[in-house]
Amino acid sequence: MEVFFKPITVNKLTIPNRFAMAPMTRSRSPDGVPGENVRDYYQRRAAGEVGLIITEGVEVSHPSSSGYPDVPGFRDKADEGWKQVIDAVHSEGSKIFPQLWHVGAFRKPGMAPDPEVPGYTPSGLVNANKKAAHEMTAEDVEMLIDCFVGDIVKIKDLGFDGVELHGAHGYLIDNFFWEGTNQRADGFGGSIDKRTAFACEIVKRARAKVGEDFPIAIRFSQWKQQDFEAKLAYTEEDLKTFLMPLVDAGIDMFHASNRRYWEPEFEGSNLNLAGWTKKLTGIPTITVGSVGLKSDFIGLYAGDDAVESQSIDDLIKRMESDEFDMVAIGRALLSDPEWVKKVKTGDFEAIIPFEKKYASEVYF
């Protein structure tokens, strides 16, 4: 297990081991304010020796970002709650990034905090050829970039160790990435490298305000909730064309989301998405996707009540071969906050298996 328990440095931040907690929405922060329950939830996982806590998605400070109930935000009244979360995680020796989130196409009419505000997407599309949201104007694009940047500045000021942008799964940044939802004719649409411009502008402008040493990560995926077979990149060359503008903008780490981490991304190679990302960019990567479990999270919505645990021998081999740098754990940490500790000691029989009850009101 030694390969998982070596420190890693991202930018100038040293993370004590190679395990991260994957972001999982909990809907436990009424009015956007994280309370003691949120503090205790993250502290338990930090006490279980998770090296990096990546929080549930936290709403960008604009009413169009909301898509789920009781999700935390960064409005002023939330500040004290976040400071308590940060202090609690740090007291256990772990690091913590919030995941900054705008739901884009998933916002529906009538939702809080302002029922009059529609969902925002680059072209009004919520899926390829389905227009059911507000088509962002040039002014909207600039306004939301400013909202992201302002929140990243606040994130640093609150004492977080870094930030992760949610650019995956069909949410707003991913709506810009994906050709199926981005049909813009300006500088924020077009070829795959140009569709990164929205995220790149957020990173570049934030970097100018928070400095070179504050870690900025981004989560991205090929699959979308609207289309599990969707692709940003069909070839290794496509993937490189997509990734390099983000590297040049100042991204420090990629969190490459698979539904099943063990699946190869392209024919002719066993590398998964995180593996290819590291190979093409040289930037630290996090892999994620059903680690320690035999099936992906879609079973939650298909009526499966439990998921059988799975050996991590393949994960160990991939880490030992330096395919990726960190591993994010999701559902396994919901059922067992001490999953990492038990893996460290080899006490696999003591791991609490995942059951649906542990995911009550959790959205992926």
Protein backbone atom coordinates (compact mmCIF):
# COMPACT_ATOMS: atom_id res chain seq x y z
CA MET A 1 0.00 0.00 0.00
CA GLU A 2 3.02 2.30 0.21
CA VAL A 3 2.29 3.78 -3.22
CA PHE A 4 -0.90 5.40 -1.87
CA PHE A 5 0.69 6.91 1.21
CA LYS A 6 3.47 9.03 -0.24
CA PRO A 7 2.94 12.80 -0.17
CA ILE A 8 2.34 14.65 -3.43
CA THR A 9 2.99 18.29 -4.21
CA VAL A 10 0.50 20.13 -6.43
CA ASN A 11 1.77 23.59 -7.31
CA LYS A 12 3.35 24.34 -3.90
CA LEU A 13 0.80 22.48 -1.79
CA THR A 14 1.86 19.19 -0.21
CA ILE A 15 -0.97 16.69 0.17
CA PRO A 16 -0.15 13.95 2.73
CA ASN A 17 -1.27 10.96 0.65
CA ARG A 18 -2.78 9.99 -2.70
CA PHE A 19 -6.43 9.60 -1.65
CA ALA A 20 -9.01 12.32 -2.26
CA MET A 21 -12.66 12.44 -1.32
CA ALA A 22 -14.73 12.81 -4.47
CA PRO A 23 -17.33 15.62 -4.47
CA MET A 24 -20.85 14.37 -3.75
CA THR A 25 -23.81 16.69 -3.33
CA ARG A 26 -25.58 16.21 0.01
CA SER A 27 -28.39 18.83 0.12
CA ARG A 28 -27.67 19.46 3.79
CA SER A 29 -26.98 23.23 3.79
CA PRO A 30 -30.26 25.16 4.15
CA ASP A 31 -30.09 28.66 2.64
CA GLY A 32 -26.65 27.76 1.28
CA VAL A 33 -25.02 27.79 4.71
CA PRO A 34 -22.86 24.82 5.81
CA GLY A 35 -23.57 24.02 9.44
CA GLU A 36 -22.06 21.82 12.10
CA ASN A 37 -23.35 18.71 10.33
CA VAL A 38 -21.31 19.61 7.25
CA ARG A 39 -18.26 20.34 9.38
CA ASP A 40 -18.56 16.99 11.14
CA TYR A 41 -19.14 15.11 7.86
CA TYR A 42 -15.88 16.32 6.32
CA GLN A 43 -13.93 16.09 9.57
CA ARG A 44 -14.82 12.38 9.90
CA ARG A 45 -13.35 11.66 6.46
CA ALA A 46 -10.25 13.74 7.22
CA ALA A 47 -9.84 11.84 10.50
CA GLY A 48 -10.07 8.68 8.39
CA GLU A 49 -6.84 9.85 6.68
CA VAL A 50 -8.22 11.11 3.38
CA GLY A 51 -5.38 13.32 2.12
CA LEU A 52 -7.50 15.79 0.14
CA ILE A 53 -11.15 16.60 0.76
CA ILE A 54 -12.90 17.89 -2.36
CA THR A 55 -16.21 19.23 -1.13
CA GLU A 56 -19.60 18.77 -2.66
CA GLY A 57 -20.34 21.24 -5.44
CA VAL A 58 -20.60 24.79 -4.08
CA GLU A 59 -22.75 27.23 -6.03
CA VAL A 60 -21.19 30.08 -7.94
CA SER A 61 -22.50 33.38 -6.59
CA HIS A 62 -25.19 33.92 -9.23
CA PRO A 63 -28.84 32.75 -9.01
CA SER A 64 -28.56 30.81 -12.29
CA SER A 65 -26.05 28.42 -10.70
CA SER A 66 -28.60 26.63 -8.49
CA GLY A 67 -30.07 23.33 -9.56
CA TYR A 68 -30.52 21.24 -6.41
CA PRO A 69 -31.98 22.03 -2.97
CA ASP A 70 -29.93 23.11 0.06
CA VAL A 71 -26.59 23.23 -1.73
CA PRO A 72 -23.91 25.37 -0.03
CA GLY A 73 -22.70 28.63 -1.51
CA PHE A 74 -20.31 31.48 -0.80
CA ARG A 75 -22.71 34.21 0.19
CA ASP A 76 -21.47 36.15 3.22
CA LYS A 77 -23.61 34.32 5.75
CA ALA A 78 -21.87 31.07 4.72
CA ASP A 79 -18.39 32.36 5.55
CA GLU A 80 -18.31 31.32 9.21
CA GLY A 81 -19.60 27.84 8.38
CA TRP A 82 -16.86 27.33 5.80
CA LYS A 83 -14.18 28.55 8.20
CA GLN A 84 -15.30 25.93 10.71
CA VAL A 85 -15.18 23.23 8.02
CA ILE A 86 -11.67 24.29 6.96
CA ASP A 87 -10.37 24.40 10.54
CA ALA A 88 -11.85 20.97 11.29
CA VAL A 89 -10.28 19.36 8.23
CA HIS A 90 -6.92 21.01 8.88
CA SER A 91 -7.00 19.84 12.51
CA GLU A 92 -6.89 16.26 11.20
CA GLY A 93 -3.93 16.94 8.90
CA SER A 94 -5.83 16.92 5.59
CA LYS A 95 -6.16 19.54 2.86
CA ILE A 96 -9.44 20.83 1.42
CA PHE A 97 -10.62 22.24 -1.92
CA PRO A 98 -14.20 23.35 -2.55
CA GLN A 99 -15.66 22.34 -5.89
CA LEU A 100 -16.98 25.49 -7.58
CA TRP A 101 -20.15 24.59 -9.46
CA HIS A 102 -22.65 26.13 -11.86
CA VAL A 103 -25.29 23.61 -12.97
CA GLY A 104 -25.88 25.17 -16.40
CA ALA A 105 -28.45 23.13 -18.31
CA PHE A 106 -29.75 21.37 -15.18
CA ARG A 107 -31.49 24.42 -13.73
CA LYS A 108 -35.25 24.24 -14.25
CA PRO A 109 -37.83 27.07 -14.26
CA GLY A 110 -39.15 28.04 -10.84
CA MET A 111 -36.12 26.95 -8.82
CA ALA A 112 -34.76 28.85 -5.81
CA PRO A 113 -33.26 31.28 -5.03
CA ASP A 114 -35.01 33.30 -7.78
CA PRO A 115 -37.71 31.40 -9.67
CA GLU A 116 -37.57 33.96 -12.48
CA VAL A 117 -33.96 33.12 -13.36
CA PRO A 118 -33.67 30.43 -16.07
CA GLY A 119 -30.94 27.91 -16.68
CA TYR A 120 -27.96 29.36 -18.55
CA THR A 121 -26.08 27.51 -21.30
CA PRO A 122 -23.73 28.70 -24.06
CA SER A 123 -26.34 28.19 -26.80
CA GLY A 124 -29.56 27.57 -24.88
CA LEU A 125 -29.08 23.84 -25.49
CA VAL A 126 -29.53 21.28 -22.73
CA ASN A 127 -28.62 18.42 -25.05
CA ALA A 128 -27.68 18.15 -28.68
CA ASN A 129 -30.60 19.65 -30.67
CA LYS A 130 -32.72 20.33 -27.54
CA LYS A 131 -33.07 24.04 -26.74
CA ALA A 132 -34.72 24.65 -23.39
CA ALA A 133 -32.50 27.15 -21.54
CA HIS A 134 -31.36 30.75 -21.77
CA GLU A 135 -28.80 31.32 -24.53
CA MET A 136 -25.99 33.28 -22.94
CA THR A 137 -25.18 36.66 -24.44
CA ALA A 138 -21.63 38.01 -24.62
CA GLU A 139 -22.49 40.08 -21.53
CA ASP A 140 -23.71 36.97 -19.70
CA VAL A 141 -20.44 35.21 -20.46
CA GLU A 142 -18.37 38.07 -19.05
CA MET A 143 -20.63 38.39 -16.01
CA LEU A 144 -20.32 34.70 -15.12
CA ILE A 145 -16.56 34.68 -15.62
CA ASP A 146 -16.42 37.54 -13.12
CA CYS A 147 -18.65 35.58 -10.70
CA PHE A 148 -16.34 32.55 -10.87
CA VAL A 149 -13.25 34.70 -10.37
CA GLY A 150 -14.77 36.59 -7.44
CA ASP A 151 -15.62 33.31 -5.74
CA ILE A 152 -12.12 31.91 -6.28
CA VAL A 153 -10.69 35.00 -4.59
CA LYS A 154 -13.09 34.45 -1.66
CA ILE A 155 -12.14 30.76 -1.52
CA LYS A 156 -8.50 31.70 -1.04
CA ASP A 157 -9.35 34.39 1.51
CA LEU A 158 -11.43 31.93 3.55
CA GLY A 159 -8.38 29.67 3.95
CA PHE A 160 -9.10 26.81 1.56
CA ASP A 161 -5.97 25.08 0.20
CA GLY A 162 -7.06 25.33 -3.45
CA VAL A 163 -10.14 25.10 -5.65
CA GLU A 164 -11.60 22.63 -8.12
CA LEU A 165 -13.75 23.86 -11.01
CA HIS A 166 -16.60 21.49 -11.93
CA GLY A 167 -16.15 21.12 -15.68
CA ALA A 168 -17.76 17.67 -16.02
CA HIS A 169 -21.04 15.74 -16.34
CA GLY A 170 -23.04 18.24 -18.40
CA TYR A 171 -22.85 21.27 -16.08
CA LEU A 172 -22.07 24.82 -17.26
CA ILE A 173 -18.33 24.67 -17.94
CA ASP A 174 -18.88 21.30 -19.60
CA ASN A 175 -21.72 22.85 -21.63
CA PHE A 176 -19.02 25.08 -23.13
CA PHE A 177 -16.64 22.14 -23.63
CA TRP A 178 -19.15 19.89 -25.37
CA GLU A 179 -19.99 20.48 -29.02
CA GLY A 180 -23.50 19.12 -28.38
CA THR A 181 -24.35 22.13 -26.18
CA ASN A 182 -21.97 24.79 -27.53
CA GLN A 183 -22.87 26.11 -30.97
CA ARG A 184 -21.55 29.64 -30.41
CA ALA A 185 -19.97 31.54 -33.28
CA ASP A 186 -17.87 33.89 -31.11
CA GLY A 187 -14.54 33.25 -29.39
CA PHE A 188 -16.17 30.89 -26.88
CA GLY A 189 -17.32 28.32 -29.43
CA GLY A 190 -16.09 26.44 -32.48
CA SER A 191 -13.30 23.87 -32.52
CA ILE A 192 -12.44 21.81 -29.45
CA ASP A 193 -9.62 24.12 -28.33
CA LYS A 194 -11.82 27.23 -28.67
CA ARG A 195 -14.56 25.63 -26.57
CA THR A 196 -12.13 25.71 -23.63
CA ALA A 197 -12.05 29.53 -23.71
CA PHE A 198 -14.69 30.05 -20.99
CA ALA A 199 -12.80 27.88 -18.50
CA CYS A 200 -9.45 29.29 -19.59
CA GLU A 201 -10.60 32.86 -19.00
CA ILE A 202 -11.80 31.93 -15.50
CA VAL A 203 -8.43 30.38 -14.69
CA LYS A 204 -6.30 33.15 -16.21
CA ARG A 205 -8.24 35.97 -14.55
CA ALA A 206 -8.37 34.16 -11.22
CA ARG A 207 -4.65 33.43 -11.40
CA ALA A 208 -3.95 37.13 -11.84
CA LYS A 209 -5.79 37.82 -8.57
CA VAL A 210 -4.83 34.87 -6.34
CA GLY A 211 -1.23 34.53 -7.47
CA GLU A 212 0.81 31.73 -8.96
CA ASP A 213 0.95 29.55 -5.83
CA PHE A 214 -2.77 28.88 -5.25
CA PRO A 215 -3.71 25.46 -6.68
CA ILE A 216 -6.48 25.42 -9.28
CA ALA A 217 -7.82 22.03 -10.41
CA ILE A 218 -10.56 21.13 -12.86
CA ARG A 219 -12.80 18.08 -13.09
CA PHE A 220 -13.78 17.02 -16.60
CA SER A 221 -15.44 14.02 -18.21
CA GLN A 222 -16.21 12.53 -21.57
CA TRP A 223 -19.68 11.28 -20.48
CA LYS A 224 -22.59 13.57 -19.66
CA GLN A 225 -25.67 12.96 -17.56
CA GLN A 226 -27.65 13.80 -20.70
CA ASP A 227 -25.65 11.28 -22.76
CA PHE A 228 -23.47 8.57 -21.24
CA GLU A 229 -21.88 7.91 -24.65
CA ALA A 230 -20.92 11.54 -25.31
CA LYS A 231 -17.33 12.43 -26.14
CA LEU A 232 -15.26 15.58 -25.98
CA ALA A 233 -12.28 13.84 -27.53
CA TYR A 234 -12.47 10.87 -29.88
CA THR A 235 -8.70 10.43 -30.22
CA GLU A 236 -5.57 11.04 -28.19
CA GLU A 237 -4.81 14.03 -30.42
CA ASP A 238 -8.27 15.49 -29.76
CA LEU A 239 -7.67 15.11 -26.04
CA LYS A 240 -4.33 16.89 -26.23
CA THR A 241 -5.90 19.72 -28.24
CA PHE A 242 -8.55 20.05 -25.52
CA LEU A 243 -6.20 19.87 -22.54
CA MET A 244 -3.28 22.08 -23.53
CA PRO A 245 -5.13 25.44 -23.49
CA LEU A 246 -6.16 24.66 -19.92
CA VAL A 247 -2.56 23.87 -18.99
CA ASP A 248 -1.42 27.12 -20.60
CA ALA A 249 -4.12 29.03 -18.71
CA GLY A 250 -2.72 27.81 -15.38
CA ILE A 251 -4.50 24.61 -14.34
CA ASP A 252 -2.43 22.70 -11.77
CA MET A 253 -4.31 19.39 -11.65
CA PHE A 254 -6.88 17.47 -13.72
CA HIS A 255 -9.59 15.34 -12.12
CA ALA A 256 -10.62 12.96 -14.92
CA SER A 257 -14.05 11.47 -14.28
CA ASN A 258 -14.84 7.96 -15.46
CA ARG A 259 -17.91 5.95 -14.48
CA ARG A 260 -15.56 2.96 -14.11
CA TYR A 261 -11.88 3.85 -13.64
CA TRP A 262 -10.62 0.52 -15.01
CA GLU A 263 -11.96 1.08 -18.52
CA PRO A 264 -9.43 2.13 -21.20
CA GLU A 265 -10.13 5.47 -22.86
CA PHE A 266 -8.86 4.73 -26.37
CA GLU A 267 -8.33 1.53 -28.32
CA GLY A 268 -4.82 0.12 -28.28
CA SER A 269 -3.93 1.26 -24.77
CA ASN A 270 -4.96 0.27 -21.25
CA LEU A 271 -4.64 3.86 -19.99
CA ASN A 272 -7.81 5.38 -18.59
CA LEU A 273 -8.79 9.04 -19.00
CA ALA A 274 -6.59 10.21 -16.12
CA GLY A 275 -3.70 8.16 -17.49
CA TRP A 276 -3.94 9.70 -20.93
CA THR A 277 -4.31 13.15 -19.41
CA LYS A 278 -1.10 12.75 -17.42
CA LYS A 279 0.75 11.29 -20.41
CA LEU A 280 -0.27 14.17 -22.68
CA THR A 281 0.20 17.08 -20.26
CA GLY A 282 2.63 16.03 -17.52
CA ILE A 283 0.22 17.65 -15.05
CA PRO A 284 -0.83 15.73 -11.88
CA THR A 285 -4.07 13.82 -12.36
CA ILE A 286 -6.78 12.28 -10.17
CA THR A 287 -8.63 9.17 -11.31
CA VAL A 288 -12.15 8.42 -10.13
CA GLY A 289 -14.98 6.03 -10.90
CA SER A 290 -16.34 3.18 -8.77
CA VAL A 291 -13.11 2.64 -6.84
CA GLY A 292 -13.52 -0.31 -4.49
CA LEU A 293 -16.93 -1.19 -5.93
CA LYS A 294 -18.09 -3.58 -8.65
CA SER A 295 -20.60 -1.31 -10.39
CA ASP A 296 -21.00 2.38 -11.16
CA PHE A 297 -23.42 4.80 -9.53
CA ILE A 298 -26.10 4.37 -12.19
CA GLY A 299 -27.30 1.39 -10.19
CA LEU A 300 -28.60 3.83 -7.57
CA TYR A 301 -31.20 4.99 -10.06
CA ALA A 302 -31.90 1.52 -11.41
CA GLY A 303 -33.15 0.15 -8.11
CA ASP A 304 -30.00 -1.54 -6.81
CA ASP A 305 -29.94 -1.38 -3.03
CA ALA A 306 -26.32 -2.40 -2.51
CA VAL A 307 -23.02 -2.66 -4.36
CA GLU A 308 -20.53 -5.43 -3.75
CA SER A 309 -17.02 -4.34 -2.78
CA GLN A 310 -14.18 -5.04 -5.18
CA SER A 311 -10.45 -5.68 -4.84
CA ILE A 312 -8.16 -2.72 -5.49
CA ASP A 313 -5.28 -4.86 -6.80
CA ASP A 314 -5.65 -3.37 -10.30
CA LEU A 315 -5.67 0.14 -8.83
CA ILE A 316 -2.43 -0.61 -6.98
CA LYS A 317 -0.76 -1.81 -10.19
CA ARG A 318 -1.85 1.32 -12.04
CA MET A 319 -0.55 3.57 -9.26
CA GLU A 320 2.74 1.67 -9.15
CA SER A 321 3.11 2.17 -12.90
CA ASP A 322 2.58 5.93 -12.40
CA GLU A 323 -0.52 6.01 -14.63
CA PHE A 324 -2.05 8.75 -12.46
CA ASP A 325 -1.17 10.56 -9.24
CA MET A 326 -4.21 10.46 -6.97
CA VAL A 327 -7.39 8.43 -6.51
CA ALA A 328 -10.76 9.97 -5.61
CA ILE A 329 -13.15 7.86 -3.54
CA GLY A 330 -16.87 8.55 -3.60
CA ARG A 331 -19.53 6.08 -2.49
CA ALA A 332 -17.08 3.91 -0.55
CA LEU A 333 -16.41 6.90 1.74
CA LEU A 334 -20.11 7.53 2.24
CA SER A 335 -20.58 4.09 3.74
CA ASP A 336 -17.24 3.97 5.57
CA PRO A 337 -15.47 7.20 6.61
CA GLU A 338 -12.48 5.05 7.66
CA TRP A 339 -12.11 3.35 4.26
CA VAL A 340 -8.63 4.82 3.72
CA LYS A 341 -7.42 3.77 7.18
CA LYS A 342 -8.65 0.23 6.60
CA VAL A 343 -6.98 0.06 3.20
CA LYS A 344 -3.75 1.30 4.79
CA THR A 345 -3.75 -1.52 7.33
CA GLY A 346 -5.05 -4.13 4.88
CA ASP A 347 -8.18 -4.65 6.96
CA PHE A 348 -10.45 -5.13 3.96
CA GLU A 349 -12.85 -7.44 5.79
CA ALA A 350 -13.77 -4.57 8.11
CA ILE A 351 -14.79 -2.19 5.31
CA ILE A 352 -18.49 -1.32 5.48
CA PRO A 353 -20.06 -2.19 2.08
CA PHE A 354 -21.94 0.52 0.23
CA GLU A 355 -25.73 0.45 0.40
CA LYS A 356 -28.28 2.80 -1.09
CA LYS A 357 -29.22 4.16 2.34
CA TYR A 358 -25.82 5.88 2.54
CA ALA A 359 -26.64 7.91 -0.59
CA SER A 360 -29.90 9.36 0.68
CA GLU A 361 -30.33 12.73 -1.02
CA VAL A 362 -26.89 12.50 -2.60
CA TYR A 363 -26.65 13.55 -6.24
CA PHE A 364 -23.68 12.72 -8.44
